[in-house]
Amino acid sequence: MAALGVAGLLVSGAVVPGTAPAASAAPMWPVPEPYPVPTDPPERLADLPPGSEYVALGDSYSAGYGLPTPTRLPTNACAQSARDYPHRLAARFGFALTDVTCAGATSEDVTTRNQFAGVPPQIESLSPSTRLVTLTIGGNDADLFGTAASCLAISAQGPVFSGRDAPSCESSLVRDGEDQLRAKIQSRVALGVADTLAAVRRAAPNAVVVFLGYPAIFPDAEHTPATGCFRSALDLGTLAGSFPSDTFPFTDADVEYLHGVQEELDAVSASAADAAGVRFVDVLADTADHSACAAADERYVAGVSLTGTGDLRRIDLEAGALHPNGRGVAYLTDRVARAIGAPAG
């Protein structure tokens, strides 16, 4: 759960808050049910036979943030789930999985930085014997999830209730015609993603590397209903400390704006993958009709659920908000499976 203050509603929805315990990285295998690696997997790949060393890197979108069955690996604070797509892939093809995915991870946490005490940079899990690497990265470099968390609004026309009295997030982030968030994605984020992919290729020279993009959190114009997407996170019950669940409290302007930000990040990621010679699984356009705005039984991404006090002095964003739900993770698993089964090039 991510703690949000009404006076400053800016957190990373992918970060698990609190002080991380000092702990050594735990063994990555075996993992708990329900996705153990089978000795006789249901599917096989000619180039990646059962037992192939598979290392999963990345952030909350790879770690299954908000899903049940925690692995507590590589540390509790990573909020990694045994229902994430790496575990599902390992069970499907019989891979020997090392899953070091961690909520809140940035490019630096993959390549050079200890995200939590005792947990080495994720890239140290790679070696010449690694045969498959998957990752999602870039969203936290851009602070996409933290920005989205700061955009929760009172109504479809605003204002956002982050204490800034702004009609929308777009109005705060685009100043004098310059979009600060997109500018950061085109510069610092692009460089971080490119450096990460190059480092992964060097550390695992014999591996198939699959870079998975982010599914649509916000729909494009074609898949935005004529009445808009807004589902309020506040109602009369909020005064008693009860909040609606699976909401989508974003202004009409911010739905369009934040989808555009996702498009920018997607384009940067695709370019970096092409330059590094890795396989990019682009899922943004294909999931535009399965965003958190879609009908409940069509969503691949969970809406926003809050908890907090009735006086709104403290509001918490529940784990899994704006992240893939079970349906979404199953979809991502299938897309990555198709990518590793496809010929290179």
Protein backbone atom coordinates (compact mmCIF):
# COMPACT_ATOMS: atom_id res chain seq x y z
CA MET A 1 0.00 0.00 0.00
CA ALA A 2 1.39 3.42 -0.85
CA ALA A 3 0.76 6.22 1.59
CA LEU A 4 -0.64 9.38 0.09
CA GLY A 5 -1.06 12.71 1.78
CA VAL A 6 -3.82 15.04 0.56
CA ALA A 7 -1.42 17.95 0.87
CA GLY A 8 1.03 16.28 -1.49
CA LEU A 9 -0.42 13.36 -3.40
CA LEU A 10 2.72 12.26 -5.19
CA VAL A 11 3.97 8.73 -4.83
CA SER A 12 5.13 5.98 -7.09
CA GLY A 13 2.35 3.49 -7.42
CA ALA A 14 5.01 0.87 -8.07
CA VAL A 15 6.95 1.46 -4.85
CA VAL A 16 6.24 -0.45 -1.67
CA PRO A 17 6.69 2.13 1.10
CA GLY A 18 8.30 1.77 4.47
CA THR A 19 11.81 1.12 5.65
CA ALA A 20 13.30 -1.86 3.89
CA PRO A 21 14.73 -4.48 6.24
CA ALA A 22 18.42 -5.20 6.00
CA ALA A 23 18.46 -8.61 4.41
CA SER A 24 20.58 -10.71 2.14
CA ALA A 25 19.14 -11.70 -1.18
CA ALA A 26 17.36 -15.00 -0.63
CA PRO A 27 17.57 -18.02 -2.92
CA MET A 28 15.27 -17.57 -5.87
CA TRP A 29 14.22 -21.20 -6.15
CA PRO A 30 12.16 -23.20 -5.30
CA VAL A 31 9.14 -20.96 -5.38
CA PRO A 32 5.78 -21.42 -3.69
CA GLU A 33 2.68 -22.74 -5.38
CA PRO A 34 0.79 -22.31 -7.67
CA TYR A 35 3.50 -22.05 -10.33
CA PRO A 36 6.28 -24.56 -9.64
CA VAL A 37 8.52 -25.49 -12.52
CA PRO A 38 7.39 -28.91 -13.77
CA THR A 39 9.81 -31.64 -14.75
CA ASP A 40 7.54 -32.41 -17.70
CA PRO A 41 6.23 -28.99 -18.80
CA PRO A 42 3.05 -28.69 -20.87
CA GLU A 43 4.93 -26.91 -23.69
CA ARG A 44 8.45 -27.08 -25.07
CA LEU A 45 10.62 -24.83 -27.19
CA ALA A 46 13.31 -26.19 -29.50
CA ASP A 47 15.82 -23.45 -28.72
CA LEU A 48 14.99 -23.21 -24.99
CA PRO A 49 14.53 -26.75 -23.65
CA PRO A 50 13.32 -27.53 -20.11
CA GLY A 51 15.91 -26.58 -17.53
CA SER A 52 17.14 -23.55 -19.50
CA GLU A 53 18.34 -20.81 -17.17
CA TYR A 54 15.81 -17.99 -17.15
CA VAL A 55 16.37 -14.73 -15.29
CA ALA A 56 13.52 -12.25 -14.86
CA LEU A 57 14.48 -8.62 -14.29
CA GLY A 58 12.40 -5.50 -13.93
CA ASP A 59 9.88 -3.54 -11.94
CA SER A 60 6.39 -4.01 -10.52
CA TYR A 61 4.88 -4.88 -13.91
CA SER A 62 7.13 -7.94 -14.01
CA ALA A 63 6.93 -8.65 -10.28
CA GLY A 64 3.15 -9.03 -10.19
CA TYR A 65 2.67 -6.15 -7.75
CA GLY A 66 -0.65 -6.48 -5.94
CA LEU A 67 -1.23 -10.14 -6.85
CA PRO A 68 -1.50 -12.85 -4.16
CA THR A 69 1.02 -15.58 -3.30
CA PRO A 70 4.04 -13.46 -2.34
CA THR A 71 7.45 -15.03 -2.84
CA ARG A 72 9.17 -12.63 -0.41
CA LEU A 73 12.03 -12.58 -2.90
CA PRO A 74 14.51 -11.08 -3.34
CA THR A 75 13.19 -9.26 -0.25
CA ASN A 76 9.70 -8.68 1.18
CA ALA A 77 9.73 -5.04 0.10
CA CYS A 78 9.82 -6.08 -3.56
CA ALA A 79 6.20 -7.31 -3.39
CA GLN A 80 6.99 -10.06 -5.88
CA SER A 81 4.24 -12.61 -6.53
CA ALA A 82 4.50 -16.26 -7.59
CA ARG A 83 1.69 -15.40 -9.99
CA ASP A 84 3.79 -12.95 -12.00
CA TYR A 85 4.41 -13.68 -15.67
CA PRO A 86 7.98 -14.98 -15.11
CA HIS A 87 6.70 -17.76 -12.85
CA ARG A 88 3.97 -18.59 -15.33
CA LEU A 89 6.48 -18.80 -18.18
CA ALA A 90 8.76 -21.03 -16.12
CA ALA A 91 5.88 -23.38 -15.35
CA ARG A 92 4.76 -23.41 -18.95
CA PHE A 93 8.13 -24.29 -20.47
CA GLY A 94 10.04 -25.85 -17.56
CA PHE A 95 12.64 -23.09 -17.27
CA ALA A 96 14.98 -22.86 -14.27
CA LEU A 97 13.83 -19.47 -13.00
CA THR A 98 15.72 -16.83 -11.08
CA ASP A 99 13.20 -14.04 -10.47
CA VAL A 100 14.77 -10.83 -9.15
CA THR A 101 11.94 -8.53 -10.23
CA CYS A 102 11.13 -5.84 -7.68
CA ALA A 103 8.43 -3.20 -7.37
CA GLY A 104 9.79 0.30 -7.76
CA ALA A 105 12.89 -0.75 -9.71
CA THR A 106 14.54 1.77 -12.00
CA SER A 107 17.19 1.26 -14.66
CA GLU A 108 19.88 1.93 -12.07
CA ASP A 109 18.43 -0.74 -9.78
CA VAL A 110 18.85 -3.22 -12.61
CA THR A 111 22.39 -2.21 -13.53
CA THR A 112 24.33 -0.60 -10.68
CA ARG A 113 22.36 0.20 -7.54
CA ASN A 114 21.28 -1.79 -4.50
CA GLN A 115 17.56 -1.03 -4.44
CA PHE A 116 17.31 -2.46 -0.91
CA ALA A 117 19.97 -3.30 1.65
CA GLY A 118 21.55 -6.65 0.95
CA VAL A 119 19.91 -6.99 -2.47
CA PRO A 120 22.47 -6.64 -5.28
CA PRO A 121 21.74 -4.97 -8.62
CA GLN A 122 19.49 -7.26 -10.61
CA ILE A 123 22.00 -7.67 -13.42
CA GLU A 124 24.31 -9.65 -11.13
CA SER A 125 21.92 -12.59 -11.59
CA LEU A 126 22.99 -12.87 -15.25
CA SER A 127 25.86 -14.94 -16.63
CA PRO A 128 26.99 -16.56 -19.88
CA SER A 129 24.89 -19.60 -18.94
CA THR A 130 21.68 -17.53 -18.88
CA ARG A 131 19.52 -18.55 -21.83
CA LEU A 132 16.50 -16.24 -21.42
CA VAL A 133 16.07 -12.77 -19.91
CA THR A 134 12.82 -10.84 -19.65
CA LEU A 135 12.28 -7.37 -18.23
CA THR A 136 10.07 -4.34 -17.97
CA ILE A 137 11.79 -1.08 -17.10
CA GLY A 138 11.46 2.65 -17.65
CA GLY A 139 8.16 3.40 -15.94
CA ASN A 140 9.80 4.35 -12.66
CA ASP A 141 12.58 6.23 -14.43
CA ALA A 142 9.83 8.40 -15.88
CA ASP A 143 7.89 8.38 -12.60
CA LEU A 144 4.86 7.47 -14.68
CA PHE A 145 3.13 5.71 -11.79
CA GLY A 146 3.92 8.43 -9.28
CA THR A 147 2.62 11.04 -11.69
CA ALA A 148 -0.58 9.06 -12.23
CA ALA A 149 -1.05 8.78 -8.46
CA SER A 150 -0.77 12.57 -8.20
CA CYS A 151 -3.53 13.04 -10.80
CA LEU A 152 -6.50 11.65 -8.86
CA ALA A 153 -9.33 14.12 -9.32
CA ILE A 154 -12.59 15.18 -7.74
CA SER A 155 -14.50 15.10 -11.03
CA ALA A 156 -14.01 14.56 -14.75
CA GLN A 157 -13.32 18.30 -15.05
CA GLY A 158 -11.10 18.47 -11.95
CA PRO A 159 -9.53 19.66 -9.83
CA VAL A 160 -6.96 17.07 -8.81
CA PHE A 161 -7.04 16.61 -5.04
CA SER A 162 -3.31 16.71 -4.43
CA GLY A 163 -3.42 20.05 -2.67
CA ARG A 164 -2.27 22.04 -5.69
CA ASP A 165 -5.76 23.19 -6.69
CA ALA A 166 -4.91 22.42 -10.32
CA PRO A 167 -7.65 21.61 -12.84
CA SER A 168 -5.59 18.68 -14.15
CA CYS A 169 -2.11 17.20 -14.01
CA GLU A 170 -1.51 18.25 -17.58
CA SER A 171 -1.94 21.88 -16.57
CA SER A 172 0.87 21.48 -14.02
CA LEU A 173 3.25 19.44 -16.16
CA VAL A 174 2.99 21.42 -19.41
CA ARG A 175 4.42 24.88 -18.80
CA ASP A 176 4.88 27.51 -21.48
CA GLY A 177 4.23 24.86 -24.07
CA GLU A 178 6.95 22.54 -22.75
CA ASP A 179 5.90 19.12 -21.51
CA GLN A 180 8.32 18.40 -18.69
CA LEU A 181 7.41 14.72 -18.38
CA ARG A 182 7.80 13.98 -22.08
CA ALA A 183 11.07 15.91 -22.16
CA LYS A 184 12.40 13.70 -19.35
CA ILE A 185 11.31 10.55 -21.19
CA GLN A 186 13.04 11.66 -24.40
CA SER A 187 16.29 12.38 -22.58
CA ARG A 188 17.13 10.81 -19.21
CA VAL A 189 14.68 7.90 -19.45
CA ALA A 190 15.68 7.03 -23.02
CA LEU A 191 19.35 6.98 -22.02
CA GLY A 192 18.68 4.85 -18.93
CA VAL A 193 16.69 2.26 -20.86
CA ALA A 194 19.28 2.10 -23.64
CA ASP A 195 22.14 1.66 -21.16
CA THR A 196 20.21 -1.05 -19.32
CA LEU A 197 19.52 -3.11 -22.42
CA ALA A 198 23.14 -2.83 -23.55
CA ALA A 199 24.34 -3.92 -20.10
CA VAL A 200 21.98 -6.91 -20.11
CA ARG A 201 23.26 -8.01 -23.50
CA ARG A 202 26.85 -7.86 -22.22
CA ALA A 203 26.06 -9.73 -19.00
CA ALA A 204 24.07 -12.49 -20.76
CA PRO A 205 25.69 -12.82 -24.19
CA ASN A 206 24.08 -16.19 -24.91
CA ALA A 207 20.55 -15.28 -23.87
CA VAL A 208 17.41 -14.38 -25.75
CA VAL A 209 16.46 -10.98 -24.27
CA VAL A 210 12.80 -9.98 -24.31
CA PHE A 211 11.89 -6.41 -23.35
CA LEU A 212 8.20 -6.15 -22.49
CA GLY A 213 6.40 -2.83 -22.89
CA TYR A 214 3.67 -1.55 -20.59
CA PRO A 215 -0.01 -2.27 -21.28
CA ALA A 216 -2.41 0.64 -21.57
CA ILE A 217 -3.32 2.14 -18.22
CA PHE A 218 -5.17 4.95 -19.96
CA PRO A 219 -7.11 4.36 -23.21
CA ASP A 220 -6.53 6.09 -26.50
CA ALA A 221 -9.22 8.33 -27.99
CA GLU A 222 -10.75 5.49 -30.00
CA HIS A 223 -11.36 3.43 -26.86
CA THR A 224 -12.45 6.24 -24.57
CA PRO A 225 -16.25 6.19 -24.09
CA ALA A 226 -18.19 9.24 -25.26
CA THR A 227 -19.18 9.80 -21.62
CA GLY A 228 -15.56 9.59 -20.48
CA CYS A 229 -13.78 7.24 -18.11
CA PHE A 230 -14.26 8.97 -14.78
CA ARG A 231 -15.21 6.73 -11.83
CA SER A 232 -15.00 8.61 -8.56
CA ALA A 233 -12.74 7.40 -5.75
CA LEU A 234 -14.86 9.33 -3.24
CA ASP A 235 -18.50 8.93 -2.20
CA LEU A 236 -20.68 9.50 0.85
CA GLY A 237 -19.17 6.47 2.53
CA THR A 238 -15.77 8.15 2.39
CA LEU A 239 -16.82 10.35 5.30
CA ALA A 240 -16.88 7.19 7.39
CA GLY A 241 -13.51 6.03 6.05
CA SER A 242 -14.94 3.74 3.35
CA PHE A 243 -13.85 4.21 -0.25
CA PRO A 244 -15.23 2.84 -3.53
CA SER A 245 -13.11 0.13 -5.16
CA ASP A 246 -11.68 -0.19 -8.67
CA THR A 247 -12.26 3.44 -9.57
CA PHE A 248 -10.76 5.62 -12.30
CA PRO A 249 -10.66 9.15 -10.88
CA PHE A 250 -8.89 11.00 -13.69
CA THR A 251 -10.00 14.09 -15.56
CA ASP A 252 -10.90 13.78 -19.21
CA ALA A 253 -7.87 15.93 -20.03
CA ASP A 254 -5.51 13.75 -18.04
CA VAL A 255 -6.77 10.49 -19.57
CA GLU A 256 -5.78 11.80 -22.98
CA TYR A 257 -2.56 13.36 -21.71
CA LEU A 258 -1.34 10.32 -19.75
CA HIS A 259 -2.06 7.98 -22.64
CA GLY A 260 0.14 10.25 -24.73
CA VAL A 261 2.87 9.96 -22.10
CA GLN A 262 2.59 6.17 -22.32
CA GLU A 263 2.94 6.41 -26.09
CA GLU A 264 6.12 8.45 -25.67
CA LEU A 265 7.60 5.91 -23.26
CA ASP A 266 6.58 3.07 -25.59
CA ALA A 267 8.28 4.72 -28.58
CA VAL A 268 11.48 5.33 -26.61
CA SER A 269 11.48 1.70 -25.43
CA ALA A 270 10.97 0.34 -28.93
CA SER A 271 13.84 2.44 -30.26
CA ALA A 272 16.16 1.33 -27.45
CA ALA A 273 15.29 -2.32 -28.05
CA ASP A 274 15.98 -1.98 -31.75
CA ALA A 275 19.35 -0.35 -31.12
CA ALA A 276 20.31 -3.05 -28.60
CA GLY A 277 19.13 -5.91 -30.80
CA VAL A 278 16.64 -7.30 -28.29
CA ARG A 279 13.05 -8.39 -28.87
CA PHE A 280 10.52 -5.74 -27.87
CA VAL A 281 7.02 -6.94 -27.05
CA ASP A 282 4.86 -3.89 -27.75
CA VAL A 283 1.49 -4.30 -26.01
CA LEU A 284 0.31 -0.69 -25.70
CA ALA A 285 -1.90 -0.45 -28.78
CA ASP A 286 -3.25 -3.97 -28.39
CA THR A 287 -4.43 -3.28 -24.84
CA ALA A 288 -6.05 0.13 -25.42
CA ASP A 289 -9.47 -1.49 -25.12
CA HIS A 290 -8.43 -3.31 -21.93
CA SER A 291 -7.20 -0.32 -19.89
CA ALA A 292 -8.39 0.52 -16.38
CA CYS A 293 -11.14 2.55 -18.09
CA ALA A 294 -12.72 -0.51 -19.74
CA ALA A 295 -15.63 -2.60 -18.49
CA ALA A 296 -14.83 -4.59 -15.36
CA ASP A 297 -14.64 -7.95 -17.15
CA GLU A 298 -12.43 -6.52 -19.91
CA ARG A 299 -9.75 -4.77 -17.84
CA TYR A 300 -6.17 -6.01 -17.92
CA VAL A 301 -5.15 -3.24 -15.52
CA ALA A 302 -6.76 -2.69 -12.12
CA GLY A 303 -8.40 0.59 -11.28
CA VAL A 304 -7.68 2.72 -8.23
CA SER A 305 -8.79 1.56 -4.79
CA LEU A 306 -8.10 3.73 -1.77
CA THR A 307 -8.22 3.39 1.99
CA GLY A 308 -7.81 6.11 4.57
CA THR A 309 -9.43 8.26 7.20
CA GLY A 310 -12.81 9.91 6.84
CA ASP A 311 -11.30 13.38 7.26
CA LEU A 312 -9.06 12.64 4.24
CA ARG A 313 -5.95 13.60 6.18
CA ARG A 314 -4.47 10.28 5.15
CA ILE A 315 -5.24 8.33 2.01
CA ASP A 316 -3.57 5.06 1.00
CA LEU A 317 -3.36 3.70 -2.53
CA GLU A 318 -3.98 -0.04 -2.33
CA ALA A 319 -1.38 -2.41 -3.75
CA GLY A 320 -2.01 -3.31 -7.36
CA ALA A 321 -3.70 -0.07 -8.37
CA LEU A 322 -3.02 0.72 -12.05
CA HIS A 323 -1.10 -2.56 -12.41
CA PRO A 324 -1.97 -5.75 -14.31
CA ASN A 325 -4.66 -7.89 -12.70
CA GLY A 326 -4.79 -11.67 -13.10
CA ARG A 327 -6.35 -11.35 -16.55
CA GLY A 328 -3.67 -8.88 -17.58
CA VAL A 329 -0.80 -11.04 -16.35
CA ALA A 330 -2.18 -14.02 -18.26
CA TYR A 331 -2.23 -11.86 -21.41
CA LEU A 332 1.34 -10.66 -20.85
CA THR A 333 2.47 -14.25 -20.31
CA ASP A 334 1.01 -15.27 -23.65
CA ARG A 335 2.62 -12.34 -25.45
CA VAL A 336 6.08 -13.09 -24.03
CA ALA A 337 5.62 -16.79 -24.79
CA ARG A 338 4.92 -15.92 -28.42
CA ALA A 339 7.99 -13.70 -28.51
CA ILE A 340 10.39 -16.34 -27.23
CA GLY A 341 8.88 -18.89 -29.59
CA ALA A 342 9.38 -16.62 -32.58
CA PRO A 343 12.58 -16.64 -34.62
CA ALA A 344 15.06 -13.86 -33.92
CA GLY A 345 15.27 -10.89 -36.21
